[in-house]
């Protein structure tokens, strides 16, 4: 999956917005002001960083060569995936959905209500 297609998918999620708070190299995706994904290019390879449950992150890091603990992130709660073609488009979208839903589940009641009103 191309990074541009993945970014378009991330922006299609309800309430998702993109910004560059860390400079032009890292495109951050947020829902209700909370980060759920980040795309960047590391050593010439496009990548995406996603939030995940610690057990899921451990499994994925051990299972796939293209997945490492979150680059410059809390390595217990984030994974970075090199977009080398090892993971299918549907798997990348599923992991992005899980990241998004994990962040949404932690929103305050007020923010959850505001999101559902969008």
N, C-alpha and C. Protein backbone atom coordinates (compact mmCIF):
# COMPACT_ATOMS: atom_id res chain seq x y z
N UNK A 1 0.85 -1.18 0.00
CA UNK A 1 0.00 0.00 0.00
C UNK A 1 0.89 1.23 0.00
N UNK A 2 0.58 2.16 -0.86
CA UNK A 2 1.33 3.41 -0.94
C UNK A 2 0.98 4.30 0.25
N UNK A 3 1.95 5.09 0.69
CA UNK A 3 1.74 5.95 1.85
C UNK A 3 0.61 6.96 1.60
N UNK A 4 0.50 7.44 0.38
CA UNK A 4 -0.56 8.42 0.06
C UNK A 4 -1.95 7.79 0.21
N UNK A 5 -2.10 6.55 -0.21
CA UNK A 5 -3.39 5.84 -0.06
C UNK A 5 -3.72 5.63 1.40
N UNK A 6 -2.71 5.29 2.18
CA UNK A 6 -2.91 5.07 3.60
C UNK A 6 -3.28 6.38 4.29
N UNK A 7 -2.62 7.47 3.93
CA UNK A 7 -2.95 8.77 4.51
C UNK A 7 -4.38 9.18 4.16
N UNK A 8 -4.79 8.91 2.93
CA UNK A 8 -6.16 9.22 2.51
C UNK A 8 -7.15 8.39 3.33
N UNK A 9 -6.82 7.13 3.57
CA UNK A 9 -7.69 6.28 4.39
C UNK A 9 -7.79 6.82 5.81
N UNK A 10 -6.66 7.20 6.40
CA UNK A 10 -6.66 7.73 7.77
C UNK A 10 -7.54 8.97 7.88
N UNK A 11 -7.46 9.84 6.88
CA UNK A 11 -8.26 11.06 6.89
C UNK A 11 -9.75 10.79 6.67
N UNK A 12 -10.09 9.61 6.15
CA UNK A 12 -11.49 9.27 5.92
C UNK A 12 -12.20 8.82 7.21
N UNK A 13 -11.42 8.54 8.25
CA UNK A 13 -12.02 8.09 9.51
C UNK A 13 -12.74 9.27 10.17
N UNK A 14 -13.84 9.00 10.82
CA UNK A 14 -14.70 10.04 11.38
C UNK A 14 -13.92 10.97 12.33
N UNK A 15 -13.93 12.26 12.00
CA UNK A 15 -13.30 13.27 12.85
C UNK A 15 -11.79 13.36 12.72
N UNK A 16 -11.20 12.56 11.85
CA UNK A 16 -9.73 12.55 11.71
C UNK A 16 -9.24 13.82 11.03
N UNK A 17 -8.13 14.33 11.53
CA UNK A 17 -7.48 15.50 10.95
C UNK A 17 -5.98 15.24 10.91
N UNK A 18 -5.32 15.83 9.92
CA UNK A 18 -3.88 15.69 9.79
C UNK A 18 -3.19 17.01 10.07
N UNK A 19 -1.97 16.94 10.62
CA UNK A 19 -1.19 18.14 10.89
C UNK A 19 0.29 17.77 10.97
N UNK A 20 1.13 18.79 11.05
CA UNK A 20 2.58 18.61 11.11
C UNK A 20 3.16 19.27 12.36
N UNK A 21 2.82 18.80 13.57
CA UNK A 21 3.32 19.46 14.78
C UNK A 21 4.80 19.25 15.04
N UNK A 22 5.40 18.24 14.43
CA UNK A 22 6.81 17.92 14.66
C UNK A 22 7.69 18.34 13.49
N UNK A 23 7.15 19.12 12.57
CA UNK A 23 7.90 19.52 11.38
C UNK A 23 7.39 18.79 10.16
N UNK A 24 7.93 19.14 8.99
CA UNK A 24 7.40 18.61 7.72
C UNK A 24 7.68 17.13 7.48
N UNK A 25 8.49 16.50 8.29
CA UNK A 25 8.84 15.09 8.05
C UNK A 25 7.81 14.12 8.60
N UNK A 26 7.00 14.55 9.57
CA UNK A 26 6.07 13.64 10.23
C UNK A 26 4.65 14.17 10.12
N UNK A 27 3.80 13.43 9.42
CA UNK A 27 2.40 13.79 9.23
C UNK A 27 1.60 13.07 10.32
N UNK A 28 1.04 13.84 11.25
CA UNK A 28 0.33 13.30 12.41
C UNK A 28 -1.17 13.32 12.16
N UNK A 29 -1.84 12.24 12.55
CA UNK A 29 -3.28 12.12 12.41
C UNK A 29 -3.89 12.08 13.80
N UNK A 30 -4.89 12.93 14.01
CA UNK A 30 -5.53 13.05 15.32
C UNK A 30 -7.04 12.92 15.18
N UNK A 31 -7.65 12.47 16.27
CA UNK A 31 -9.10 12.50 16.39
C UNK A 31 -9.40 13.21 17.70
N UNK A 32 -10.18 14.27 17.63
CA UNK A 32 -10.52 15.10 18.78
C UNK A 32 -9.26 15.54 19.54
N UNK A 33 -8.22 15.87 18.77
CA UNK A 33 -6.98 16.38 19.34
C UNK A 33 -6.03 15.33 19.87
N UNK A 34 -6.37 14.06 19.76
CA UNK A 34 -5.52 12.97 20.25
C UNK A 34 -4.93 12.20 19.09
N UNK A 35 -3.63 12.00 19.14
CA UNK A 35 -2.91 11.33 18.05
C UNK A 35 -3.24 9.84 18.01
N UNK A 36 -3.50 9.34 16.79
CA UNK A 36 -3.71 7.90 16.61
C UNK A 36 -2.80 7.31 15.53
N UNK A 37 -2.13 8.16 14.74
CA UNK A 37 -1.23 7.65 13.69
C UNK A 37 -0.25 8.74 13.29
N UNK A 38 0.85 8.31 12.72
CA UNK A 38 1.88 9.21 12.21
C UNK A 38 2.53 8.54 11.02
N UNK A 39 2.64 9.26 9.92
CA UNK A 39 3.36 8.72 8.76
C UNK A 39 4.63 9.53 8.55
N UNK A 40 5.65 8.85 8.08
CA UNK A 40 6.95 9.50 7.84
C UNK A 40 7.76 8.62 6.90
N UNK A 41 8.91 9.11 6.53
CA UNK A 41 9.86 8.32 5.73
C UNK A 41 11.14 8.21 6.54
N UNK A 42 11.51 6.97 6.87
CA UNK A 42 12.73 6.69 7.64
C UNK A 42 13.71 5.95 6.74
N UNK A 43 14.88 6.50 6.57
CA UNK A 43 15.91 5.88 5.73
C UNK A 43 15.38 5.55 4.34
N UNK A 44 14.56 6.44 3.80
CA UNK A 44 14.02 6.27 2.45
C UNK A 44 12.84 5.32 2.34
N UNK A 45 12.39 4.78 3.47
CA UNK A 45 11.27 3.83 3.47
C UNK A 45 10.07 4.47 4.16
N UNK A 46 8.92 4.55 3.48
CA UNK A 46 7.73 5.10 4.12
C UNK A 46 7.30 4.21 5.28
N UNK A 47 6.77 4.84 6.33
CA UNK A 47 6.34 4.08 7.50
C UNK A 47 5.13 4.74 8.13
N UNK A 48 4.44 3.95 8.94
CA UNK A 48 3.33 4.45 9.73
C UNK A 48 3.51 3.98 11.16
N UNK A 49 3.23 4.86 12.10
CA UNK A 49 3.28 4.53 13.51
C UNK A 49 1.85 4.55 14.04
N UNK A 50 1.47 3.47 14.73
CA UNK A 50 0.10 3.30 15.21
C UNK A 50 0.08 2.89 16.68
N UNK A 51 -0.96 3.30 17.37
CA UNK A 51 -1.17 2.91 18.75
C UNK A 51 -1.73 1.48 18.77
N UNK A 52 -1.35 0.71 19.79
CA UNK A 52 -1.86 -0.65 19.92
C UNK A 52 -1.81 -1.09 21.38
N UNK A 53 -2.50 -2.16 21.67
CA UNK A 53 -2.41 -2.74 23.00
C UNK A 53 -1.03 -3.38 23.15
N UNK A 54 -0.45 -3.35 24.36
CA UNK A 54 0.90 -3.91 24.54
C UNK A 54 1.04 -5.35 24.06
N UNK A 55 0.08 -6.21 24.36
CA UNK A 55 0.18 -7.62 23.94
C UNK A 55 0.14 -7.74 22.41
N UNK A 56 -0.70 -6.94 21.77
CA UNK A 56 -0.77 -6.96 20.30
C UNK A 56 0.54 -6.47 19.70
N UNK A 57 1.10 -5.42 20.27
CA UNK A 57 2.36 -4.88 19.78
C UNK A 57 3.48 -5.89 19.87
N UNK A 58 3.57 -6.57 21.01
CA UNK A 58 4.60 -7.60 21.19
C UNK A 58 4.46 -8.70 20.15
N UNK A 59 3.23 -9.17 19.93
CA UNK A 59 2.99 -10.22 18.96
C UNK A 59 3.40 -9.77 17.56
N UNK A 60 2.95 -8.58 17.15
CA UNK A 60 3.23 -8.09 15.80
C UNK A 60 4.72 -7.87 15.56
N UNK A 61 5.42 -7.34 16.55
CA UNK A 61 6.87 -7.12 16.42
C UNK A 61 7.59 -8.45 16.23
N UNK A 62 7.15 -9.48 16.94
CA UNK A 62 7.78 -10.80 16.82
C UNK A 62 7.38 -11.54 15.55
N UNK A 63 6.22 -11.21 15.00
CA UNK A 63 5.69 -11.93 13.84
C UNK A 63 6.14 -11.36 12.49
N UNK A 64 6.34 -10.05 12.41
CA UNK A 64 6.61 -9.39 11.13
C UNK A 64 7.92 -8.60 11.17
N UNK A 65 8.76 -8.83 10.18
CA UNK A 65 10.04 -8.12 10.10
C UNK A 65 9.87 -6.63 9.87
N UNK A 66 8.76 -6.23 9.25
CA UNK A 66 8.55 -4.82 8.93
C UNK A 66 7.94 -4.02 10.08
N UNK A 67 7.69 -4.67 11.22
CA UNK A 67 7.11 -3.98 12.37
C UNK A 67 8.12 -3.95 13.51
N UNK A 68 8.33 -2.74 14.03
CA UNK A 68 9.23 -2.53 15.17
C UNK A 68 8.48 -1.76 16.25
N UNK A 69 9.01 -1.77 17.48
CA UNK A 69 8.39 -0.91 18.50
C UNK A 69 8.39 0.54 18.02
N UNK A 70 7.42 1.32 18.46
CA UNK A 70 7.21 2.68 17.98
C UNK A 70 8.46 3.54 17.94
N UNK A 71 8.76 4.07 16.78
CA UNK A 71 9.93 4.92 16.56
C UNK A 71 9.69 6.27 17.24
N UNK A 72 10.53 6.62 18.20
CA UNK A 72 10.41 7.85 18.99
C UNK A 72 9.09 7.95 19.74
N UNK A 73 8.53 6.81 20.10
CA UNK A 73 7.25 6.78 20.82
C UNK A 73 7.39 5.82 22.01
N UNK A 74 6.36 5.78 22.86
CA UNK A 74 6.33 4.81 23.94
C UNK A 74 6.25 3.42 23.31
N UNK A 75 7.31 2.67 23.44
CA UNK A 75 7.43 1.40 22.72
C UNK A 75 6.48 0.32 23.25
N UNK A 76 5.86 0.56 24.39
CA UNK A 76 4.88 -0.38 24.91
C UNK A 76 3.53 -0.20 24.23
N UNK A 77 3.22 1.01 23.78
CA UNK A 77 1.89 1.31 23.26
C UNK A 77 1.85 1.68 21.78
N UNK A 78 2.99 1.72 21.12
CA UNK A 78 3.04 2.14 19.71
C UNK A 78 3.92 1.19 18.91
N UNK A 79 3.55 0.98 17.65
CA UNK A 79 4.38 0.21 16.71
C UNK A 79 4.62 1.06 15.47
N UNK A 80 5.75 0.83 14.84
CA UNK A 80 6.06 1.48 13.56
C UNK A 80 6.17 0.39 12.51
N UNK A 81 5.45 0.59 11.42
CA UNK A 81 5.39 -0.39 10.34
C UNK A 81 6.06 0.19 9.10
N UNK A 82 7.12 -0.45 8.62
CA UNK A 82 7.74 -0.06 7.36
C UNK A 82 6.83 -0.55 6.23
N UNK A 83 6.48 0.35 5.33
CA UNK A 83 5.57 0.00 4.23
C UNK A 83 6.36 -0.63 3.09
N UNK A 84 6.80 -1.86 3.33
CA UNK A 84 7.63 -2.59 2.38
C UNK A 84 6.84 -3.56 1.52
N UNK A 85 5.55 -3.70 1.80
CA UNK A 85 4.72 -4.66 1.07
C UNK A 85 4.50 -5.95 1.83
N UNK A 86 5.13 -6.11 2.99
CA UNK A 86 4.95 -7.35 3.76
C UNK A 86 3.51 -7.48 4.26
N UNK A 87 2.91 -6.37 4.66
CA UNK A 87 1.54 -6.38 5.16
C UNK A 87 0.57 -5.97 4.06
N UNK A 88 -0.55 -6.64 4.01
CA UNK A 88 -1.57 -6.32 2.99
C UNK A 88 -2.25 -4.99 3.31
N UNK A 89 -2.90 -4.45 2.30
CA UNK A 89 -3.66 -3.20 2.48
C UNK A 89 -4.74 -3.39 3.55
N UNK A 90 -5.42 -4.51 3.52
CA UNK A 90 -6.49 -4.74 4.50
C UNK A 90 -5.94 -4.86 5.92
N UNK A 91 -4.78 -5.46 6.08
CA UNK A 91 -4.19 -5.56 7.41
C UNK A 91 -3.76 -4.18 7.92
N UNK A 92 -3.17 -3.37 7.04
CA UNK A 92 -2.78 -2.01 7.44
C UNK A 92 -4.00 -1.20 7.84
N UNK A 93 -5.08 -1.32 7.07
CA UNK A 93 -6.30 -0.60 7.41
C UNK A 93 -6.89 -1.10 8.72
N UNK A 94 -6.82 -2.40 8.96
CA UNK A 94 -7.32 -2.97 10.21
C UNK A 94 -6.52 -2.45 11.40
N UNK A 95 -5.20 -2.41 11.27
CA UNK A 95 -4.36 -1.89 12.35
C UNK A 95 -4.62 -0.41 12.58
N UNK A 96 -4.85 0.34 11.50
CA UNK A 96 -5.18 1.76 11.62
C UNK A 96 -6.52 1.94 12.33
N UNK A 97 -7.50 1.10 11.98
CA UNK A 97 -8.81 1.16 12.64
C UNK A 97 -8.68 0.86 14.13
N UNK A 98 -7.88 -0.14 14.46
CA UNK A 98 -7.69 -0.48 15.88
C UNK A 98 -7.03 0.66 16.64
N UNK A 99 -6.06 1.32 16.03
CA UNK A 99 -5.40 2.46 16.65
C UNK A 99 -6.41 3.58 16.88
N UNK A 100 -7.17 3.89 15.85
CA UNK A 100 -8.20 4.93 15.94
C UNK A 100 -9.20 4.60 17.05
N UNK A 101 -9.71 3.38 17.05
CA UNK A 101 -10.72 2.97 18.04
C UNK A 101 -10.16 2.96 19.46
N UNK A 102 -8.90 2.61 19.60
CA UNK A 102 -8.26 2.63 20.91
C UNK A 102 -8.21 4.05 21.45
N UNK A 103 -7.85 5.00 20.61
CA UNK A 103 -7.80 6.40 21.02
C UNK A 103 -9.21 6.92 21.31
N UNK A 104 -10.16 6.60 20.44
CA UNK A 104 -11.55 7.05 20.65
C UNK A 104 -12.10 6.50 21.97
N UNK A 105 -11.74 5.27 22.31
CA UNK A 105 -12.25 4.66 23.54
C UNK A 105 -11.76 5.38 24.79
N UNK A 106 -10.66 6.10 24.68
CA UNK A 106 -10.09 6.82 25.82
C UNK A 106 -10.50 8.29 25.87
N UNK A 107 -11.30 8.74 24.90
CA UNK A 107 -11.76 10.13 24.90
C UNK A 107 -12.71 10.38 26.06
N UNK A 108 -12.79 11.63 26.47
CA UNK A 108 -13.76 11.99 27.50
C UNK A 108 -15.17 11.84 26.94
N UNK A 109 -16.14 11.75 27.82
CA UNK A 109 -17.54 11.63 27.40
C UNK A 109 -17.94 12.80 26.50
N UNK A 110 -17.51 14.00 26.87
CA UNK A 110 -17.84 15.19 26.08
C UNK A 110 -17.27 15.08 24.67
N UNK A 111 -16.01 14.64 24.56
CA UNK A 111 -15.39 14.50 23.24
C UNK A 111 -16.02 13.36 22.44
N UNK A 112 -16.41 12.28 23.11
CA UNK A 112 -17.09 11.19 22.41
C UNK A 112 -18.43 11.67 21.84
N UNK A 113 -19.15 12.46 22.62
CA UNK A 113 -20.42 13.00 22.15
C UNK A 113 -20.21 13.95 20.97
N UNK A 114 -19.17 14.79 21.07
CA UNK A 114 -18.87 15.73 19.98
C UNK A 114 -18.49 14.97 18.71
N UNK A 115 -17.73 13.89 18.86
CA UNK A 115 -17.33 13.08 17.71
C UNK A 115 -18.54 12.42 17.07
N UNK A 116 -19.43 11.87 17.88
CA UNK A 116 -20.59 11.20 17.29
C UNK A 116 -21.55 12.19 16.64
N UNK A 117 -21.46 13.47 17.00
CA UNK A 117 -22.31 14.49 16.38
C UNK A 117 -21.78 14.95 15.02
N UNK A 118 -20.55 14.56 14.69
CA UNK A 118 -19.96 14.97 13.40
C UNK A 118 -20.62 14.24 12.24
